[in-house]
Protein backbone atom coordinates (compact mmCIF):
# COMPACT_ATOMS: atom_id res chain seq x y z
CA MET A 1 0.00 0.00 0.00
CA ASN A 2 1.48 3.34 -0.98
CA LYS A 3 1.10 6.59 0.95
CA ARG A 4 -1.84 7.80 -1.17
CA GLN A 5 -3.78 4.54 -0.72
CA PHE A 6 -3.07 4.62 3.03
CA ILE A 7 -4.43 8.19 3.37
CA GLN A 8 -7.55 7.31 1.36
CA ALA A 9 -8.15 4.21 3.46
CA MET A 10 -7.71 6.12 6.72
CA THR A 11 -9.93 8.98 5.55
CA SER A 12 -12.62 6.53 4.51
CA ALA A 13 -12.41 4.70 7.83
CA SER A 14 -12.57 7.90 9.86
CA LEU A 15 -15.58 9.16 7.87
CA SER A 16 -17.44 5.93 8.45
CA MET A 17 -16.80 6.24 12.19
CA ALA A 18 -17.85 9.91 12.27
CA SER A 19 -21.08 11.09 13.81
CA GLY A 20 -24.13 9.67 12.06
CA SER A 21 -25.79 13.08 11.94
CA LEU A 22 -23.25 14.50 9.49
CA PHE A 23 -22.29 11.43 7.53
CA ALA A 24 -25.32 9.18 7.79
CA GLN A 25 -25.52 6.50 5.16
CA PRO A 26 -28.81 6.42 3.27
CA SER A 27 -31.16 3.77 4.56
CA LYS A 28 -31.29 0.69 2.35
CA GLU A 29 -34.56 -0.32 3.98
CA PRO A 30 -37.46 0.51 1.62
CA GLN A 31 -40.37 2.45 3.03
CA LYS A 32 -43.00 0.20 4.52
CA PHE A 33 -46.50 1.54 4.15
CA ASN A 34 -49.24 0.88 6.64
CA LEU A 35 -52.96 1.48 6.55
CA GLN A 36 -55.49 0.49 9.18
CA GLY A 37 -59.12 1.38 9.27
CA THR A 38 -62.67 0.16 8.93
CA ASP A 39 -64.23 -0.38 5.52
CA VAL A 40 -67.73 0.68 4.48
CA ASN A 41 -69.14 -2.64 5.73
CA GLY A 42 -67.68 -2.20 9.21
CA LYS A 43 -64.92 -4.75 8.60
CA LYS A 44 -61.44 -4.04 10.01
CA LEU A 45 -58.95 -3.44 7.24
CA ASP A 46 -55.17 -3.68 7.59
CA LEU A 47 -52.74 -3.35 4.68
CA ALA A 48 -50.54 -5.97 6.37
CA ASP A 49 -53.27 -8.56 5.71
CA PHE A 50 -52.49 -8.33 1.99
CA LEU A 51 -48.87 -9.44 2.18
CA GLY A 52 -48.13 -11.58 -0.86
CA LYS A 53 -50.46 -9.53 -3.08
CA THR A 54 -49.90 -6.52 -5.28
CA VAL A 55 -51.91 -3.67 -3.76
CA LEU A 56 -53.12 -0.53 -5.49
CA VAL A 57 -54.09 2.09 -2.89
CA SER A 58 -56.14 4.89 -4.45
CA PHE A 59 -56.94 8.13 -2.64
CA PHE A 60 -60.00 9.90 -4.03
CA THR A 61 -62.92 12.21 -3.33
CA ALA A 62 -66.53 11.55 -4.24
CA GLY A 63 -66.94 14.62 -6.47
CA CYS A 64 -63.72 14.24 -8.46
CA SER A 65 -64.35 13.37 -12.14
CA LEU A 66 -60.77 12.11 -12.65
CA CYS A 67 -61.20 9.91 -9.59
CA THR A 68 -64.44 8.49 -10.99
CA ARG A 69 -62.77 7.72 -14.32
CA ASP A 70 -59.73 6.11 -12.69
CA LEU A 71 -61.80 4.06 -10.25
CA LYS A 72 -63.95 2.76 -13.13
CA LEU A 73 -60.84 1.58 -14.98
CA MET A 74 -59.31 0.23 -11.80
CA ARG A 75 -62.51 -1.65 -11.02
CA GLU A 76 -62.22 -3.35 -14.42
CA PHE A 77 -58.56 -4.21 -13.70
CA TYR A 78 -59.57 -5.47 -10.25
CA VAL A 79 -62.28 -7.76 -11.63
CA GLY A 80 -59.89 -9.20 -14.21
CA ASN A 81 -56.97 -9.67 -11.81
CA SER A 82 -58.36 -10.26 -8.32
CA LYS A 83 -57.59 -13.96 -8.66
CA LYS A 84 -53.97 -13.08 -9.56
CA ASN A 85 -53.08 -11.82 -6.09
CA PHE A 86 -54.22 -8.27 -6.79
CA VAL A 87 -56.06 -6.04 -4.34
CA LEU A 88 -57.50 -2.57 -4.85
CA LEU A 89 -58.03 -0.44 -1.76
CA ALA A 90 -59.81 2.89 -2.06
CA VAL A 91 -59.28 5.59 0.53
CA ASN A 92 -61.81 8.41 0.45
CA ILE A 93 -60.37 11.76 1.53
CA ASP A 94 -63.57 13.82 1.59
CA GLN A 95 -63.76 16.08 4.63
CA ASP A 96 -67.47 15.50 5.15
CA LEU A 97 -68.67 12.02 6.13
CA LYS A 98 -71.96 12.70 4.32
CA ASP A 99 -70.11 12.91 0.96
CA PHE A 100 -68.46 9.56 1.66
CA GLU A 101 -71.77 7.96 2.66
CA THR A 102 -73.54 9.29 -0.45
CA TYR A 103 -70.76 7.89 -2.64
CA ASN A 104 -71.11 4.47 -1.00
CA GLN A 105 -74.88 4.49 -1.47
CA LEU A 106 -74.36 5.11 -5.20
CA VAL A 107 -71.78 2.31 -5.40
CA THR A 108 -74.20 -0.07 -3.66
CA LEU A 109 -76.94 0.77 -6.17
CA ALA A 110 -74.81 0.85 -9.33
CA ILE A 111 -71.96 -1.64 -8.90
CA PRO A 112 -72.44 -5.42 -8.64
CA LYS A 113 -71.19 -6.83 -5.35
CA GLU A 114 -68.41 -8.90 -6.98
CA GLN A 115 -66.96 -5.72 -8.49
CA ARG A 116 -66.69 -3.82 -5.22
CA PHE A 117 -63.41 -3.44 -3.42
CA PRO A 118 -62.60 -2.33 0.13
CA THR A 119 -63.16 1.38 0.67
CA VAL A 120 -62.34 3.35 3.81
CA TRP A 121 -62.81 6.94 4.89
CA ARG A 122 -59.47 8.49 5.83
CA ASN A 123 -61.03 10.91 8.33
CA SER A 124 -62.70 8.11 10.29
CA PRO A 125 -61.78 7.81 13.95
CA GLY A 126 -59.19 5.08 14.29
CA HIS A 127 -57.97 5.33 10.69
CA LYS A 128 -54.18 5.30 10.45
CA ASP A 129 -51.86 5.38 7.47
CA ASN A 130 -48.43 6.71 6.59
CA PHE A 131 -49.02 7.68 2.97
CA GLY A 132 -48.49 11.35 3.80
CA THR A 133 -50.38 14.42 2.68
CA ILE A 134 -52.41 13.89 -0.47
CA THR A 135 -52.34 17.07 -2.55
CA ARG A 136 -53.81 15.86 -5.87
CA GLN A 137 -56.90 13.86 -6.60
CA PRO A 138 -56.67 11.07 -7.37
CA THR A 139 -53.36 9.82 -5.97
CA HIS A 140 -52.38 6.18 -6.36
CA PHE A 141 -49.71 4.00 -4.77
CA VAL A 142 -48.68 0.57 -6.03
CA ILE A 143 -47.08 -1.85 -3.58
CA ASN A 144 -45.88 -5.23 -4.86
CA ALA A 145 -46.38 -8.67 -3.33
CA LYS A 146 -43.14 -8.27 -1.35
CA SER A 147 -44.56 -5.10 0.25
CA GLN A 148 -42.14 -2.98 -1.78
CA PHE A 149 -43.17 0.44 -3.06
CA VAL A 150 -43.41 0.29 -6.88
CA PHE A 151 -44.63 3.78 -7.78
CA LYS A 152 -46.87 6.71 -6.92
CA ARG A 153 -49.07 8.58 -9.41
CA GLU A 154 -50.56 11.95 -8.56
CA GLY A 155 -53.42 12.59 -10.93
CA THR A 156 -54.93 10.21 -13.43
CA PHE A 157 -53.26 6.89 -14.21
CA GLN A 158 -51.08 7.01 -17.33
CA PRO A 159 -50.74 4.22 -19.95
CA THR A 160 -47.30 3.27 -18.60
CA ASP A 161 -48.79 3.03 -15.10
CA TRP A 162 -51.08 0.23 -16.27
CA ASP A 163 -48.04 -1.57 -17.71
CA ASN A 164 -46.11 -1.12 -14.47
CA LEU A 165 -49.08 -2.33 -12.44
CA TRP A 166 -49.46 -5.39 -14.65
CA GLU A 167 -45.73 -6.16 -14.38
CA SER A 168 -45.84 -5.81 -10.58
CA LEU A 169 -48.30 -8.73 -10.44
CA GLY A 170 -45.41 -11.01 -11.34
CA SER A 171 -42.94 -9.67 -8.73
């Protein structure tokens, strides 16, 4: 080892032993999402119960036309792929419970039971999640079967998002 290599090795070693606050290594642990609440039927819902499945978590409001469009397409994807370890969870972010209840009444009247997916109200007492502040409607998160974050889409799903979602079913 020459002098230059020795200095580099010592500098590297001292940096790695330095205070974590200044020289912290980025975490290699991927973000783990959690979501706990009660669905529209009063059933306890926990994202952890879907380990081994690809999960699409969609945040929406009842009066959002983009949300309605996306949820219609996602419902079709859900029906075609629910037997392929795919789960769609909808999280309503309306401020007023009445808006959420009206939406669910319409779903009950218009959507066949086998096409319905779990839906929760984010403002419900006892609801917990770590998806952060939702600033655009709709906002979607895809989590693969290994509970790894795949991608987030703010706004309407794009054609490549459907491809990425489809591909995540195999991971």
